[in-house]
Structures are given as C-alpha cells and as structure tokens.
C-alpha cells in the first residue's frame, strides 16, 4: 500500500503547487501590509466615500522605539482634511491647486510630514544637528570656504540675509544647514538646507535658486536657537524645496 501511494505522487507537481500556495500567501500578506500608509483611499465626487478594497486593512501594530515610547501603524496623523487646495476642474481626477501660500501651507512639493517634535539623536543620545557654537570640537576645514558673514542671494538677485552660523551633523560630520540672519528683520534667524545653497568663495556670497530674496523672511523658524527638531526640519526643507515650483507664478507654467 505504501509503495502504491508513493509511486503515484508527482513530486515536481506537488512542489509546483506548494510554491503557488506560498507565493499567493506572500502576495496577500504584502498587499495587506502596504495598506499601513495611505489608506483608506478617498474617492472624489459626491459623498467623498472611502475605499479599502481587497484585502482588508491590517490590524494595528505597535513598535517599541529607542527611548521606551511606542509608535502604532496604521497612523493617520498626517492626513489633512483641511488642506488649502481645491480641484482645478469639477471632474474626478482633476489636479489640485493651492488656495493660499503653498510654501507655508505645506502642499504639493512643499509638503511635510508630522514627524516627532524632538531632535534627531546620535548613538550617544545627544542632538545630532547643532550649530558650531554649541560644539567647539568641530570646525570647518581650512581648505573649505567658510560661509559665515557671506550675503545670501535669492533667485531674483536680491539679498535675503547673511550667514550667521553653520549647523553640522555630528553623526555624519557634514554641514546640514546655514543659519541665516534675515535682511531687514532684526533677530530673525532661519535655517537654510545646505543642499540648496551654492557658496561662491570668490564673490563672497551664497546663492539660493529655490526662493527669492524676500522669501527668506517667511521661512519656518525653530523654537530652540541651538537645536532643531525633526518636525521643524521637515517644514524647513519643505518650504525651500517647494520654492522650486511655487516661488514665482512663472515656475508653475509649462516649459513649452
């Protein structure tokens, strides 16, 4: 009986069916897990009904974070029902256009995520990103240009301010931000992402193409003069990044 049973099994076919079952289960699992972000969907049109589709959304999952607190997914704290945008046309799928100042409202390319309002920490549990005045063990290499004291020029050629300080990432050992003293606003300091600045050592200025000179005054600020939180970083980068599209009306028009 045993010989008859085993002789009738096609091992290759059983292996194939087993793989199909495993692969179908994997797809089902991954499709549920990817619904931890961005769901439920909002269908446009009358009623604004929600859609989940198949399979259903996964249950809540809680993660234990580094400092003993927890994070739970799915998380909907970034969802903004009151985003200052409106459809360009009445039909479903129409692009949205900002109704206010998109660089400050955080929409489109100026969007930011509601990250924790605490500083990024190093492995030693100290703030990773700090101004040079807060860590005297770090300095700018002699062969590199020191932007402190240089004027900051916007895309329109106007002066937006002056570099007051350099902020470094102690974990990565590189410059993250330039602290700008805003032109015409005494005591107003904002952070400019280093990736959006071009230092011209010969002319002694810092060029920023993403925003105009006057727009430095509206950049998001920081609560603590010697540290920046993850939420503040997102808003700052969103503001200057969004300027590539929203700084002038002409930038929102087609190239051709």
C-alpha atoms as a PDB file:
ATOM      1  CA  UNK A   1       0.000   0.000   0.000  1.00  0.00           C
ATOM      2  CA  UNK A   2       2.802   2.390   0.864  1.00  0.00           C
ATOM      3  CA  UNK A   3       4.602   1.607  -2.384  1.00  0.00           C
ATOM      4  CA  UNK A   4       1.442   2.184  -4.412  1.00  0.00           C
ATOM      5  CA  UNK A   5       0.789   5.579  -2.745  1.00  0.00           C
ATOM      6  CA  UNK A   6       4.303   6.991  -3.181  1.00  0.00           C
ATOM      7  CA  UNK A   7       4.630   5.750  -6.711  1.00  0.00           C
ATOM      8  CA  UNK A   8       1.541   7.724  -7.713  1.00  0.00           C
ATOM      9  CA  UNK A   9       2.890  11.086  -6.442  1.00  0.00           C
ATOM     10  CA  UNK A  10       4.347  13.515  -8.962  1.00  0.00           C
ATOM     11  CA  UNK A  11       6.936  15.277  -6.776  1.00  0.00           C
ATOM     12  CA  UNK A  12       7.521  18.062  -9.306  1.00  0.00           C
ATOM     13  CA  UNK A  13       3.809  18.847  -9.497  1.00  0.00           C
ATOM     14  CA  UNK A  14       3.413  18.837  -5.695  1.00  0.00           C
ATOM     15  CA  UNK A  15       6.398  21.197  -5.435  1.00  0.00           C
ATOM     16  CA  UNK A  16       4.866  23.490  -8.033  1.00  0.00           C
ATOM     17  CA  UNK A  17       1.507  23.615  -6.242  1.00  0.00           C
ATOM     18  CA  UNK A  18       3.283  24.253  -2.959  1.00  0.00           C
ATOM     19  CA  UNK A  19       5.141  27.170  -4.489  1.00  0.00           C
ATOM     20  CA  UNK A  20       1.925  28.619  -5.898  1.00  0.00           C
ATOM     21  CA  UNK A  21       0.247  28.451  -2.492  1.00  0.00           C
ATOM     22  CA  UNK A  22       3.257  30.046  -0.788  1.00  0.00           C
ATOM     23  CA  UNK A  23       3.515  32.802  -3.396  1.00  0.00           C
ATOM     24  CA  UNK A  24      -0.224  33.585  -3.208  1.00  0.00           C
ATOM     25  CA  UNK A  25       0.073  33.837   0.581  1.00  0.00           C
ATOM     26  CA  UNK A  26       3.086  36.139   0.246  1.00  0.00           C
ATOM     27  CA  UNK A  27       1.236  38.465  -2.136  1.00  0.00           C
ATOM     28  CA  UNK A  28      -1.770  38.536   0.216  1.00  0.00           C
ATOM     29  CA  UNK A  29       0.462  39.378   3.192  1.00  0.00           C
ATOM     30  CA  UNK A  30       2.399  42.119   1.408  1.00  0.00           C
ATOM     31  CA  UNK A  31      -0.771  43.630  -0.048  1.00  0.00           C
ATOM     32  CA  UNK A  32      -2.241  43.930   3.444  1.00  0.00           C
ATOM     33  CA  UNK A  33       0.944  45.345   4.944  1.00  0.00           C
ATOM     34  CA  UNK A  34       1.325  48.057   2.304  1.00  0.00           C
ATOM     35  CA  UNK A  35      -2.044  49.442   3.436  1.00  0.00           C
ATOM     36  CA  UNK A  36      -0.459  50.726   6.637  1.00  0.00           C
ATOM     37  CA  UNK A  37       0.175  54.014   4.802  1.00  0.00           C
ATOM     38  CA  UNK A  38      -2.195  55.921   2.556  1.00  0.00           C
ATOM     39  CA  UNK A  39      -5.416  54.062   3.358  1.00  0.00           C
ATOM     40  CA  UNK A  40      -8.350  54.275   3.357  1.00  0.00           C
ATOM     41  CA  UNK A  41      -8.481  55.966  -0.027  1.00  0.00           C
ATOM     42  CA  UNK A  42     -10.788  58.909  -0.576  1.00  0.00           C
ATOM     43  CA  UNK A  43     -12.882  58.702  -3.715  1.00  0.00           C
ATOM     44  CA  UNK A  44     -13.600  62.032  -5.319  1.00  0.00           C
ATOM     45  CA  UNK A  45     -17.046  63.200  -6.184  1.00  0.00           C
ATOM     46  CA  UNK A  46     -20.291  63.434  -4.213  1.00  0.00           C
ATOM     47  CA  UNK A  47     -20.142  61.938  -0.764  1.00  0.00           C
ATOM     48  CA  UNK A  48     -16.337  61.648  -0.546  1.00  0.00           C
ATOM     49  CA  UNK A  49     -16.676  57.938   0.327  1.00  0.00           C
ATOM     50  CA  UNK A  50     -13.714  55.883   1.493  1.00  0.00           C
ATOM     51  CA  UNK A  51     -12.337  52.817  -0.215  1.00  0.00           C
ATOM     52  CA  UNK A  52     -10.213  49.998   1.125  1.00  0.00           C
ATOM     53  CA  UNK A  53     -10.541  47.234  -1.442  1.00  0.00           C
ATOM     54  CA  UNK A  54      -9.345  43.662  -1.086  1.00  0.00           C
ATOM     55  CA  UNK A  55      -7.767  42.548   1.154  1.00  0.00           C
ATOM     56  CA  UNK A  56      -8.923  44.421   4.228  1.00  0.00           C
ATOM     57  CA  UNK A  57      -6.577  46.733   6.117  1.00  0.00           C
ATOM     58  CA  UNK A  58      -4.277  45.064   8.671  1.00  0.00           C
ATOM     59  CA  UNK A  59      -4.749  45.371  12.384  1.00  0.00           C
ATOM     60  CA  UNK A  60      -2.816  47.857  14.467  1.00  0.00           C
ATOM     61  CA  UNK A  61       0.855  47.067  15.019  1.00  0.00           C
ATOM     62  CA  UNK A  62       2.832  48.711  17.815  1.00  0.00           C
ATOM     63  CA  UNK A  63       6.590  49.234  17.662  1.00  0.00           C
ATOM     64  CA  UNK A  64       8.791  49.831  20.683  1.00  0.00           C
ATOM     65  CA  UNK A  65      11.087  52.763  19.933  1.00  0.00           C
ATOM     66  CA  UNK A  66      14.518  53.632  21.198  1.00  0.00           C
ATOM     67  CA  UNK A  67      13.576  55.843  24.141  1.00  0.00           C
ATOM     68  CA  UNK A  68      10.909  53.493  25.500  1.00  0.00           C
ATOM     69  CA  UNK A  69       7.893  55.074  23.810  1.00  0.00           C
ATOM     70  CA  UNK A  70       5.868  53.416  21.070  1.00  0.00           C
ATOM     71  CA  UNK A  71       4.600  54.061  17.570  1.00  0.00           C
ATOM     72  CA  UNK A  72       1.457  52.475  16.127  1.00  0.00           C
ATOM     73  CA  UNK A  73       0.587  51.809  12.492  1.00  0.00           C
ATOM     74  CA  UNK A  74      -1.583  52.412  10.567  1.00  0.00           C
ATOM     75  CA  UNK A  75      -1.273  56.051  11.651  1.00  0.00           C
ATOM     76  CA  UNK A  76      -3.434  58.793  10.202  1.00  0.00           C
ATOM     77  CA  UNK A  77      -1.988  61.838  11.961  1.00  0.00           C
ATOM     78  CA  UNK A  78      -0.578  63.155   8.664  1.00  0.00           C
ATOM     79  CA  UNK A  79      -3.983  63.148   6.989  1.00  0.00           C
ATOM     80  CA  UNK A  80      -5.205  66.700   6.483  1.00  0.00           C
ATOM     81  CA  UNK A  81      -8.874  67.103   5.699  1.00  0.00           C
ATOM     82  CA  UNK A  82      -8.480  70.899   5.615  1.00  0.00           C
ATOM     83  CA  UNK A  83      -5.512  71.152   3.215  1.00  0.00           C
ATOM     84  CA  UNK A  84      -5.736  74.566   1.478  1.00  0.00           C
ATOM     85  CA  UNK A  85      -6.163  73.219  -2.055  1.00  0.00           C
ATOM     86  CA  UNK A  86      -9.058  72.863  -4.464  1.00  0.00           C
ATOM     87  CA  UNK A  87      -9.657  70.929  -7.706  1.00  0.00           C
ATOM     88  CA  UNK A  88      -8.705  72.740 -10.887  1.00  0.00           C
ATOM     89  CA  UNK A  89     -11.774  71.293 -12.624  1.00  0.00           C
ATOM     90  CA  UNK A  90     -15.034  69.684 -11.406  1.00  0.00           C
ATOM     91  CA  UNK A  91     -14.410  66.160 -12.745  1.00  0.00           C
ATOM     92  CA  UNK A  92     -12.814  63.364 -10.667  1.00  0.00           C
ATOM     93  CA  UNK A  93      -9.043  63.106 -11.039  1.00  0.00           C
ATOM     94  CA  UNK A  94      -8.557  66.813 -11.648  1.00  0.00           C
ATOM     95  CA  UNK A  95      -5.268  68.280 -10.361  1.00  0.00           C
ATOM     96  CA  UNK A  96      -5.412  70.296  -7.166  1.00  0.00           C
ATOM     97  CA  UNK A  97      -4.186  73.870  -6.975  1.00  0.00           C
ATOM     98  CA  UNK A  98      -3.206  75.780  -3.804  1.00  0.00           C
ATOM     99  CA  UNK A  99      -5.588  78.402  -2.481  1.00  0.00           C
ATOM    100  CA  UNK A 100      -3.118  80.186  -0.176  1.00  0.00           C
ATOM    101  CA  UNK A 101       0.658  80.381   0.136  1.00  0.00           C
ATOM    102  CA  UNK A 102       1.666  76.807  -0.771  1.00  0.00           C
ATOM    103  CA  UNK A 103       5.214  77.188   0.561  1.00  0.00           C
ATOM    104  CA  UNK A 104       3.858  77.893   4.040  1.00  0.00           C
ATOM    105  CA  UNK A 105       0.734  75.745   3.790  1.00  0.00           C
ATOM    106  CA  UNK A 106       2.777  72.623   3.131  1.00  0.00           C
ATOM    107  CA  UNK A 107       1.099  71.318  -0.015  1.00  0.00           C
ATOM    108  CA  UNK A 108       2.473  69.840  -3.229  1.00  0.00           C
ATOM    109  CA  UNK A 109       6.278  69.790  -3.316  1.00  0.00           C
ATOM    110  CA  UNK A 110       6.277  71.904  -0.144  1.00  0.00           C
ATOM    111  CA  UNK A 111       4.569  69.125   1.832  1.00  0.00           C
ATOM    112  CA  UNK A 112       5.966  67.959   5.130  1.00  0.00           C
ATOM    113  CA  UNK A 113       5.281  65.016   7.417  1.00  0.00           C
ATOM    114  CA  UNK A 114       4.194  65.326  11.040  1.00  0.00           C
ATOM    115  CA  UNK A 115       7.350  63.818  12.486  1.00  0.00           C
ATOM    116  CA  UNK A 116       8.190  63.879  16.181  1.00  0.00           C
ATOM    117  CA  UNK A 117       8.836  67.365  17.514  1.00  0.00           C
ATOM    118  CA  UNK A 118      12.135  66.252  19.081  1.00  0.00           C
ATOM    119  CA  UNK A 119      15.736  66.459  17.825  1.00  0.00           C
ATOM    120  CA  UNK A 120      17.408  63.655  15.910  1.00  0.00           C
ATOM    121  CA  UNK A 121      19.828  61.957  18.297  1.00  0.00           C
ATOM    122  CA  UNK A 122      23.235  60.363  17.862  1.00  0.00           C
ATOM    123  CA  UNK A 123      24.165  56.965  19.284  1.00  0.00           C
ATOM    124  CA  UNK A 124      25.326  58.866  22.377  1.00  0.00           C
ATOM    125  CA  UNK A 125      21.808  60.286  22.899  1.00  0.00           C
ATOM    126  CA  UNK A 126      22.781  63.876  22.144  1.00  0.00           C
ATOM    127  CA  UNK A 127      21.259  66.092  19.413  1.00  0.00           C
ATOM    128  CA  UNK A 128      22.849  65.187  16.097  1.00  0.00           C
ATOM    129  CA  UNK A 129      22.411  68.545  14.352  1.00  0.00           C
ATOM    130  CA  UNK A 130      23.753  71.587  16.201  1.00  0.00           C
ATOM    131  CA  UNK A 131      25.370  74.941  15.373  1.00  0.00           C
ATOM    132  CA  UNK A 132      29.148  75.141  15.609  1.00  0.00           C
ATOM    133  CA  UNK A 133      28.779  77.448  18.606  1.00  0.00           C
ATOM    134  CA  UNK A 134      27.273  74.524  20.522  1.00  0.00           C
ATOM    135  CA  UNK A 135      30.162  72.131  19.817  1.00  0.00           C
ATOM    136  CA  UNK A 136      33.618  73.699  19.840  1.00  0.00           C
ATOM    137  CA  UNK A 137      35.276  70.370  18.960  1.00  0.00           C
ATOM    138  CA  UNK A 138      34.086  70.707  15.337  1.00  0.00           C
ATOM    139  CA  UNK A 139      35.413  73.288  12.876  1.00  0.00           C
ATOM    140  CA  UNK A 140      35.394  73.963   9.144  1.00  0.00           C
ATOM    141  CA  UNK A 141      38.442  72.616   7.302  1.00  0.00           C
ATOM    142  CA  UNK A 142      40.967  75.294   6.319  1.00  0.00           C
ATOM    143  CA  UNK A 143      40.780  74.337   2.632  1.00  0.00           C
ATOM    144  CA  UNK A 144      36.988  74.759   2.528  1.00  0.00           C
ATOM    145  CA  UNK A 145      35.187  78.123   2.257  1.00  0.00           C
ATOM    146  CA  UNK A 146      33.714  79.440   5.488  1.00  0.00           C
ATOM    147  CA  UNK A 147      30.315  80.913   4.580  1.00  0.00           C
ATOM    148  CA  UNK A 148      29.855  82.808   7.851  1.00  0.00           C
ATOM    149  CA  UNK A 149      29.436  86.504   7.163  1.00  0.00           C
ATOM    150  CA  UNK A 150      28.583  85.970   3.483  1.00  0.00           C
ATOM    151  CA  UNK A 151      25.498  87.559   1.947  1.00  0.00           C
ATOM    152  CA  UNK A 152      22.727  85.198   0.841  1.00  0.00           C
ATOM    153  CA  UNK A 153      21.319  85.943  -2.607  1.00  0.00           C
ATOM    154  CA  UNK A 154      17.926  84.713  -3.801  1.00  0.00           C
ATOM    155  CA  UNK A 155      16.929  83.650  -7.319  1.00  0.00           C
ATOM    156  CA  UNK A 156      15.975  87.250  -8.144  1.00  0.00           C
ATOM    157  CA  UNK A 157      19.436  88.552  -7.267  1.00  0.00           C
ATOM    158  CA  UNK A 158      18.172  90.248  -4.109  1.00  0.00           C
ATOM    159  CA  UNK A 159      19.847  89.838  -0.718  1.00  0.00           C
ATOM    160  CA  UNK A 160      17.795  87.697   1.641  1.00  0.00           C
ATOM    161  CA  UNK A 161      20.134  87.847   4.596  1.00  0.00           C
ATOM    162  CA  UNK A 162      23.580  87.000   5.890  1.00  0.00           C
ATOM    163  CA  UNK A 163      25.050  83.693   7.055  1.00  0.00           C
ATOM    164  CA  UNK A 164      25.279  83.912  10.814  1.00  0.00           C
ATOM    165  CA  UNK A 165      26.307  80.348  11.696  1.00  0.00           C
ATOM    166  CA  UNK A 166      26.881  76.859  10.309  1.00  0.00           C
ATOM    167  CA  UNK A 167      24.928  73.836  11.575  1.00  0.00           C
ATOM    168  CA  UNK A 168      26.632  70.447  11.397  1.00  0.00           C
ATOM    169  CA  UNK A 169      25.510  66.846  11.682  1.00  0.00           C
ATOM    170  CA  UNK A 170      27.674  65.278  14.373  1.00  0.00           C
ATOM    171  CA  UNK A 171      26.685  61.771  13.299  1.00  0.00           C
ATOM    172  CA  UNK A 172      27.641  62.247   9.638  1.00  0.00           C
ATOM    173  CA  UNK A 173      30.268  65.002  10.086  1.00  0.00           C
ATOM    174  CA  UNK A 174      28.926  67.319   7.407  1.00  0.00           C
ATOM    175  CA  UNK A 175      27.159  70.666   7.138  1.00  0.00           C
ATOM    176  CA  UNK A 176      23.357  70.355   7.202  1.00  0.00           C
ATOM    177  CA  UNK A 177      22.153  73.958   7.437  1.00  0.00           C
ATOM    178  CA  UNK A 178      23.280  77.537   7.205  1.00  0.00           C
ATOM    179  CA  UNK A 179      21.780  79.850   9.807  1.00  0.00           C
ATOM    180  CA  UNK A 180      20.599  82.996   8.043  1.00  0.00           C
ATOM    181  CA  UNK A 181      20.082  86.369   9.703  1.00  0.00           C
ATOM    182  CA  UNK A 182      17.181  87.707   7.662  1.00  0.00           C
ATOM    183  CA  UNK A 183      17.690  91.028   5.905  1.00  0.00           C
ATOM    184  CA  UNK A 184      15.639  93.805   7.476  1.00  0.00           C
ATOM    185  CA  UNK A 185      14.320  91.659  10.334  1.00  0.00           C
ATOM    186  CA  UNK A 186      16.391  92.194  13.461  1.00  0.00           C
ATOM    187  CA  UNK A 187      16.745  88.991  15.483  1.00  0.00           C
ATOM    188  CA  UNK A 188      15.006  86.840  12.870  1.00  0.00           C
ATOM    189  CA  UNK A 189      17.103  83.753  12.066  1.00  0.00           C
ATOM    190  CA  UNK A 190      16.122  80.874   9.767  1.00  0.00           C
ATOM    191  CA  UNK A 191      17.841  77.679   8.670  1.00  0.00           C
ATOM    192  CA  UNK A 192      18.704  77.104   5.014  1.00  0.00           C
ATOM    193  CA  UNK A 193      19.354  73.489   3.912  1.00  0.00           C
ATOM    194  CA  UNK A 194      22.946  73.227   2.745  1.00  0.00           C
ATOM    195  CA  UNK A 195      21.906  71.128  -0.263  1.00  0.00           C
ATOM    196  CA  UNK A 196      20.015  74.143  -1.634  1.00  0.00           C
ATOM    197  CA  UNK A 197      22.893  76.602  -1.269  1.00  0.00           C
ATOM    198  CA  UNK A 198      25.829  77.291  -3.590  1.00  0.00           C
ATOM    199  CA  UNK A 199      28.803  79.018  -1.983  1.00  0.00           C
ATOM    200  CA  UNK A 200      30.791  81.322  -4.231  1.00  0.00           C
ATOM    201  CA  UNK A 201      34.075  81.844  -2.397  1.00  0.00           C
ATOM    202  CA  UNK A 202      35.479  84.312  -4.934  1.00  0.00           C
ATOM    203  CA  UNK A 203      32.470  86.633  -4.813  1.00  0.00           C
ATOM    204  CA  UNK A 204      31.818  86.056  -1.128  1.00  0.00           C
ATOM    205  CA  UNK A 205      28.169  85.150  -1.362  1.00  0.00           C
ATOM    206  CA  UNK A 206      25.782  82.213  -1.072  1.00  0.00           C
ATOM    207  CA  UNK A 207      23.345  81.711  -3.961  1.00  0.00           C
ATOM    208  CA  UNK A 208      19.934  80.100  -3.440  1.00  0.00           C
ATOM    209  CA  UNK A 209      17.891  79.407  -6.579  1.00  0.00           C
ATOM    210  CA  UNK A 210      14.822  77.900  -4.914  1.00  0.00           C
ATOM    211  CA  UNK A 211      13.455  81.099  -3.331  1.00  0.00           C
ATOM    212  CA  UNK A 212      13.504  84.845  -3.836  1.00  0.00           C
ATOM    213  CA  UNK A 213      15.398  87.209  -1.564  1.00  0.00           C
ATOM    214  CA  UNK A 214      12.287  88.486   0.207  1.00  0.00           C
ATOM    215  CA  UNK A 215      11.005  84.961   0.852  1.00  0.00           C
ATOM    216  CA  UNK A 216      13.688  84.159   3.432  1.00  0.00           C
ATOM    217  CA  UNK A 217      11.693  86.214   5.926  1.00  0.00           C
ATOM    218  CA  UNK A 218       8.767  83.760   5.755  1.00  0.00           C
ATOM    219  CA  UNK A 219      10.796  80.571   6.193  1.00  0.00           C
ATOM    220  CA  UNK A 220       9.771  78.386   9.170  1.00  0.00           C
ATOM    221  CA  UNK A 221      11.721  79.109  12.338  1.00  0.00           C
ATOM    222  CA  UNK A 222      12.938  76.982  15.221  1.00  0.00           C
ATOM    223  CA  UNK A 223      11.900  77.066  18.875  1.00  0.00           C
ATOM    224  CA  UNK A 224      15.351  76.450  20.347  1.00  0.00           C
ATOM    225  CA  UNK A 225      18.246  78.542  18.962  1.00  0.00           C
ATOM    226  CA  UNK A 226      20.713  75.675  19.444  1.00  0.00           C
ATOM    227  CA  UNK A 227      18.736  72.663  18.230  1.00  0.00           C
ATOM    228  CA  UNK A 228      16.277  71.714  15.517  1.00  0.00           C
ATOM    229  CA  UNK A 229      13.570  69.080  15.801  1.00  0.00           C
ATOM    230  CA  UNK A 230      12.600  66.515  13.182  1.00  0.00           C
ATOM    231  CA  UNK A 231       9.265  68.270  12.640  1.00  0.00           C
ATOM    232  CA  UNK A 232      10.986  71.629  12.186  1.00  0.00           C
ATOM    233  CA  UNK A 233      13.419  70.080   9.724  1.00  0.00           C
ATOM    234  CA  UNK A 234      10.581  68.719   7.595  1.00  0.00           C
ATOM    235  CA  UNK A 235       8.880  72.118   7.469  1.00  0.00           C
ATOM    236  CA  UNK A 236      12.128  73.920   6.617  1.00  0.00           C
ATOM    237  CA  UNK A 237      13.083  71.538   3.815  1.00  0.00           C
ATOM    238  CA  UNK A 238       9.504  71.562   2.524  1.00  0.00           C
ATOM    239  CA  UNK A 239       9.498  75.370   2.373  1.00  0.00           C
ATOM    240  CA  UNK A 240      12.743  75.750   0.452  1.00  0.00           C
ATOM    241  CA  UNK A 241      12.109  72.695  -1.719  1.00  0.00           C
ATOM    242  CA  UNK A 242       8.625  73.914  -2.582  1.00  0.00           C
ATOM    243  CA  UNK A 243      10.082  77.193  -3.769  1.00  0.00           C
ATOM    244  CA  UNK A 244      11.403  75.407  -6.861  1.00  0.00           C
ATOM    245  CA  UNK A 245       7.798  75.326  -8.066  1.00  0.00           C
ATOM    246  CA  UNK A 246       5.999  78.000  -6.047  1.00  0.00           C
ATOM    247  CA  UNK A 247       8.493  80.847  -5.598  1.00  0.00           C
ATOM    248  CA  UNK A 248       7.151  82.633  -8.686  1.00  0.00           C
ATOM    249  CA  UNK A 249       3.997  82.140 -10.773  1.00  0.00           C
ATOM    250  CA  UNK A 250       6.149  81.520 -13.854  1.00  0.00           C
ATOM    251  CA  UNK A 251       7.641  78.404 -12.309  1.00  0.00           C
ATOM    252  CA  UNK A 252       4.202  76.769 -12.279  1.00  0.00           C
ATOM    253  CA  UNK A 253       3.733  77.219 -16.020  1.00  0.00           C
ATOM    254  CA  UNK A 254       4.733  74.644 -18.675  1.00  0.00           C
ATOM    255  CA  UNK A 255       8.201  74.929 -20.215  1.00  0.00           C
ATOM    256  CA  UNK A 256       6.834  74.871 -23.770  1.00  0.00           C
END
